Amino acid sequence: MENLKTKLGKRIKSLRKSRNITQERLAEIINMDITSLSKIETGRNYPQPETLEKISKALNLDISRMFTFKTPATNQDYVEAIKQNIQAMENDTQKLEML
């Protein structure tokens, strides 16, 4: 299970990418070095509250959206979720065939 730091980092990265903003550009907009932003996006560091506010403004979204983890954060997460659903359907089909 992912911890909050990792989930938040992935969410920020996903939101940034969905707006076609590079990591370099976001770092520049929020006046942060790229290494620090990378550490946030990879879940190695928690962002400071002021940094969260800057990121939300730069991405033009309410800060609470960064903490919405109901949906997979990356394309790979979507692929994994689809695979799991397919596997579950295959298992259900096999169980029905046994009946």
C-alpha atoms as a PDB file:
ATOM      1  CA  MET A   1       0.000   0.000   0.000  1.00  0.00           C
ATOM      2  CA  GLU A   2       1.288   3.405  -0.934  1.00  0.00           C
ATOM      3  CA  ASN A   3       1.887   6.003   1.735  1.00  0.00           C
ATOM      4  CA  LEU A   4       0.530   9.533   1.598  1.00  0.00           C
ATOM      5  CA  LYS A   5       3.816  11.023   0.359  1.00  0.00           C
ATOM      6  CA  THR A   6       3.875   8.687  -2.615  1.00  0.00           C
ATOM      7  CA  LYS A   7       0.191   9.167  -3.441  1.00  0.00           C
ATOM      8  CA  LEU A   8       0.483  12.936  -3.226  1.00  0.00           C
ATOM      9  CA  GLY A   9       3.611  12.980  -5.368  1.00  0.00           C
ATOM     10  CA  LYS A  10       2.001  10.812  -8.041  1.00  0.00           C
ATOM     11  CA  ARG A  11      -1.115  12.971  -7.971  1.00  0.00           C
ATOM     12  CA  ILE A  12       0.867  16.173  -8.443  1.00  0.00           C
ATOM     13  CA  LYS A  13       2.817  14.606 -11.299  1.00  0.00           C
ATOM     14  CA  SER A  14      -0.376  13.360 -12.942  1.00  0.00           C
ATOM     15  CA  LEU A  15      -2.057  16.760 -12.659  1.00  0.00           C
ATOM     16  CA  ARG A  16       1.033  18.481 -14.047  1.00  0.00           C
ATOM     17  CA  LYS A  17       1.249  16.113 -17.001  1.00  0.00           C
ATOM     18  CA  SER A  18      -2.476  16.425 -17.719  1.00  0.00           C
ATOM     19  CA  ARG A  19      -1.835  20.127 -18.280  1.00  0.00           C
ATOM     20  CA  ASN A  20       1.162  19.443 -20.536  1.00  0.00           C
ATOM     21  CA  ILE A  21       3.532  21.228 -18.185  1.00  0.00           C
ATOM     22  CA  THR A  22       7.054  19.893 -17.885  1.00  0.00           C
ATOM     23  CA  GLN A  23       8.668  19.372 -14.535  1.00  0.00           C
ATOM     24  CA  GLU A  24      11.227  22.011 -15.471  1.00  0.00           C
ATOM     25  CA  ARG A  25       8.512  24.543 -16.303  1.00  0.00           C
ATOM     26  CA  LEU A  26       6.533  23.920 -13.112  1.00  0.00           C
ATOM     27  CA  ALA A  27       9.698  24.223 -11.035  1.00  0.00           C
ATOM     28  CA  GLU A  28      10.379  27.553 -12.735  1.00  0.00           C
ATOM     29  CA  ILE A  29       6.814  28.826 -12.193  1.00  0.00           C
ATOM     30  CA  ILE A  30       6.808  27.993  -8.483  1.00  0.00           C
ATOM     31  CA  ASN A  31      10.404  29.151  -7.991  1.00  0.00           C
ATOM     32  CA  MET A  32      11.744  25.772  -6.888  1.00  0.00           C
ATOM     33  CA  ASP A  33      14.736  23.813  -8.056  1.00  0.00           C
ATOM     34  CA  ILE A  34      13.865  20.820 -10.216  1.00  0.00           C
ATOM     35  CA  THR A  35      15.518  18.352  -7.830  1.00  0.00           C
ATOM     36  CA  SER A  36      13.181  19.387  -5.012  1.00  0.00           C
ATOM     37  CA  LEU A  37      10.127  19.108  -7.254  1.00  0.00           C
ATOM     38  CA  SER A  38      11.290  15.699  -8.425  1.00  0.00           C
ATOM     39  CA  LYS A  39      11.609  14.539  -4.819  1.00  0.00           C
ATOM     40  CA  ILE A  40       8.031  15.668  -4.168  1.00  0.00           C
ATOM     41  CA  GLU A  41       6.687  13.934  -7.281  1.00  0.00           C
ATOM     42  CA  THR A  42       8.464  10.679  -6.450  1.00  0.00           C
ATOM     43  CA  GLY A  43       7.249  10.697  -2.856  1.00  0.00           C
ATOM     44  CA  ARG A  44      10.640  11.182  -1.253  1.00  0.00           C
ATOM     45  CA  ASN A  45       9.722  14.564   0.281  1.00  0.00           C
ATOM     46  CA  TYR A  46       6.539  16.179   1.538  1.00  0.00           C
ATOM     47  CA  PRO A  47       5.858  19.604   0.052  1.00  0.00           C
ATOM     48  CA  GLN A  48       5.572  22.542   2.413  1.00  0.00           C
ATOM     49  CA  PRO A  49       2.075  24.097   2.654  1.00  0.00           C
ATOM     50  CA  GLU A  50       3.327  27.164   0.771  1.00  0.00           C
ATOM     51  CA  THR A  51       4.628  24.907  -2.001  1.00  0.00           C
ATOM     52  CA  LEU A  52       1.280  23.118  -2.257  1.00  0.00           C
ATOM     53  CA  GLU A  53      -0.389  26.483  -2.623  1.00  0.00           C
ATOM     54  CA  LYS A  54       2.043  27.548  -5.371  1.00  0.00           C
ATOM     55  CA  ILE A  55       1.570  24.259  -7.229  1.00  0.00           C
ATOM     56  CA  SER A  56      -2.225  24.523  -7.055  1.00  0.00           C
ATOM     57  CA  LYS A  57      -2.107  28.064  -8.427  1.00  0.00           C
ATOM     58  CA  ALA A  58       0.341  27.093 -11.172  1.00  0.00           C
ATOM     59  CA  LEU A  59      -1.884  24.175 -12.206  1.00  0.00           C
ATOM     60  CA  ASN A  60      -5.017  26.306 -11.837  1.00  0.00           C
ATOM     61  CA  LEU A  61      -6.828  23.986  -9.468  1.00  0.00           C
ATOM     62  CA  ASP A  62      -8.207  23.890  -5.964  1.00  0.00           C
ATOM     63  CA  ILE A  63      -5.616  22.560  -3.540  1.00  0.00           C
ATOM     64  CA  SER A  64      -8.032  19.842  -2.385  1.00  0.00           C
ATOM     65  CA  ARG A  65      -7.813  18.188  -5.825  1.00  0.00           C
ATOM     66  CA  MET A  66      -4.237  17.227  -5.056  1.00  0.00           C
ATOM     67  CA  PHE A  67      -5.581  15.019  -2.283  1.00  0.00           C
ATOM     68  CA  THR A  68      -8.216  13.255  -4.355  1.00  0.00           C
ATOM     69  CA  PHE A  69      -6.907   9.718  -4.688  1.00  0.00           C
ATOM     70  CA  LYS A  70     -10.091   7.954  -5.784  1.00  0.00           C
ATOM     71  CA  THR A  71      -8.857   7.318  -9.301  1.00  0.00           C
ATOM     72  CA  PRO A  72      -5.526   5.860 -10.425  1.00  0.00           C
ATOM     73  CA  ALA A  73      -2.874   8.544 -10.681  1.00  0.00           C
ATOM     74  CA  THR A  74      -0.986   7.435 -13.790  1.00  0.00           C
ATOM     75  CA  ASN A  75      -1.589   5.632 -17.064  1.00  0.00           C
ATOM     76  CA  GLN A  76       0.222   2.615 -15.628  1.00  0.00           C
ATOM     77  CA  ASP A  77      -2.210   2.619 -12.703  1.00  0.00           C
ATOM     78  CA  TYR A  78      -5.097   2.588 -15.192  1.00  0.00           C
ATOM     79  CA  VAL A  79      -3.514  -0.331 -17.073  1.00  0.00           C
ATOM     80  CA  GLU A  80      -3.041  -2.266 -13.831  1.00  0.00           C
ATOM     81  CA  ALA A  81      -6.638  -1.575 -12.765  1.00  0.00           C
ATOM     82  CA  ILE A  82      -7.922  -2.806 -16.143  1.00  0.00           C
ATOM     83  CA  LYS A  83      -5.785  -5.946 -15.907  1.00  0.00           C
ATOM     84  CA  GLN A  84      -7.139  -6.664 -12.433  1.00  0.00           C
ATOM     85  CA  ASN A  85     -10.721  -6.221 -13.655  1.00  0.00           C
ATOM     86  CA  ILE A  86     -10.112  -8.535 -16.609  1.00  0.00           C
ATOM     87  CA  GLN A  87      -8.579 -11.134 -14.308  1.00  0.00           C
ATOM     88  CA  ALA A  88     -11.559 -10.893 -11.976  1.00  0.00           C
ATOM     89  CA  MET A  89     -13.963 -11.346 -14.918  1.00  0.00           C
ATOM     90  CA  GLU A  90     -11.982 -14.355 -16.148  1.00  0.00           C
ATOM     91  CA  ASN A  91     -12.144 -15.883 -12.675  1.00  0.00           C
ATOM     92  CA  ASP A  92     -15.894 -15.281 -12.524  1.00  0.00           C
ATOM     93  CA  THR A  93     -16.343 -16.881 -15.962  1.00  0.00           C
ATOM     94  CA  GLN A  94     -14.336 -19.921 -14.872  1.00  0.00           C
ATOM     95  CA  LYS A  95     -16.458 -20.252 -11.723  1.00  0.00           C
ATOM     96  CA  LEU A  96     -19.665 -20.053 -13.774  1.00  0.00           C
ATOM     97  CA  GLU A  97     -18.393 -22.722 -16.163  1.00  0.00           C
ATOM     98  CA  MET A  98     -17.748 -25.016 -13.205  1.00  0.00           C
ATOM     99  CA  LEU A  99     -21.397 -24.712 -12.151  1.00  0.00           C
END
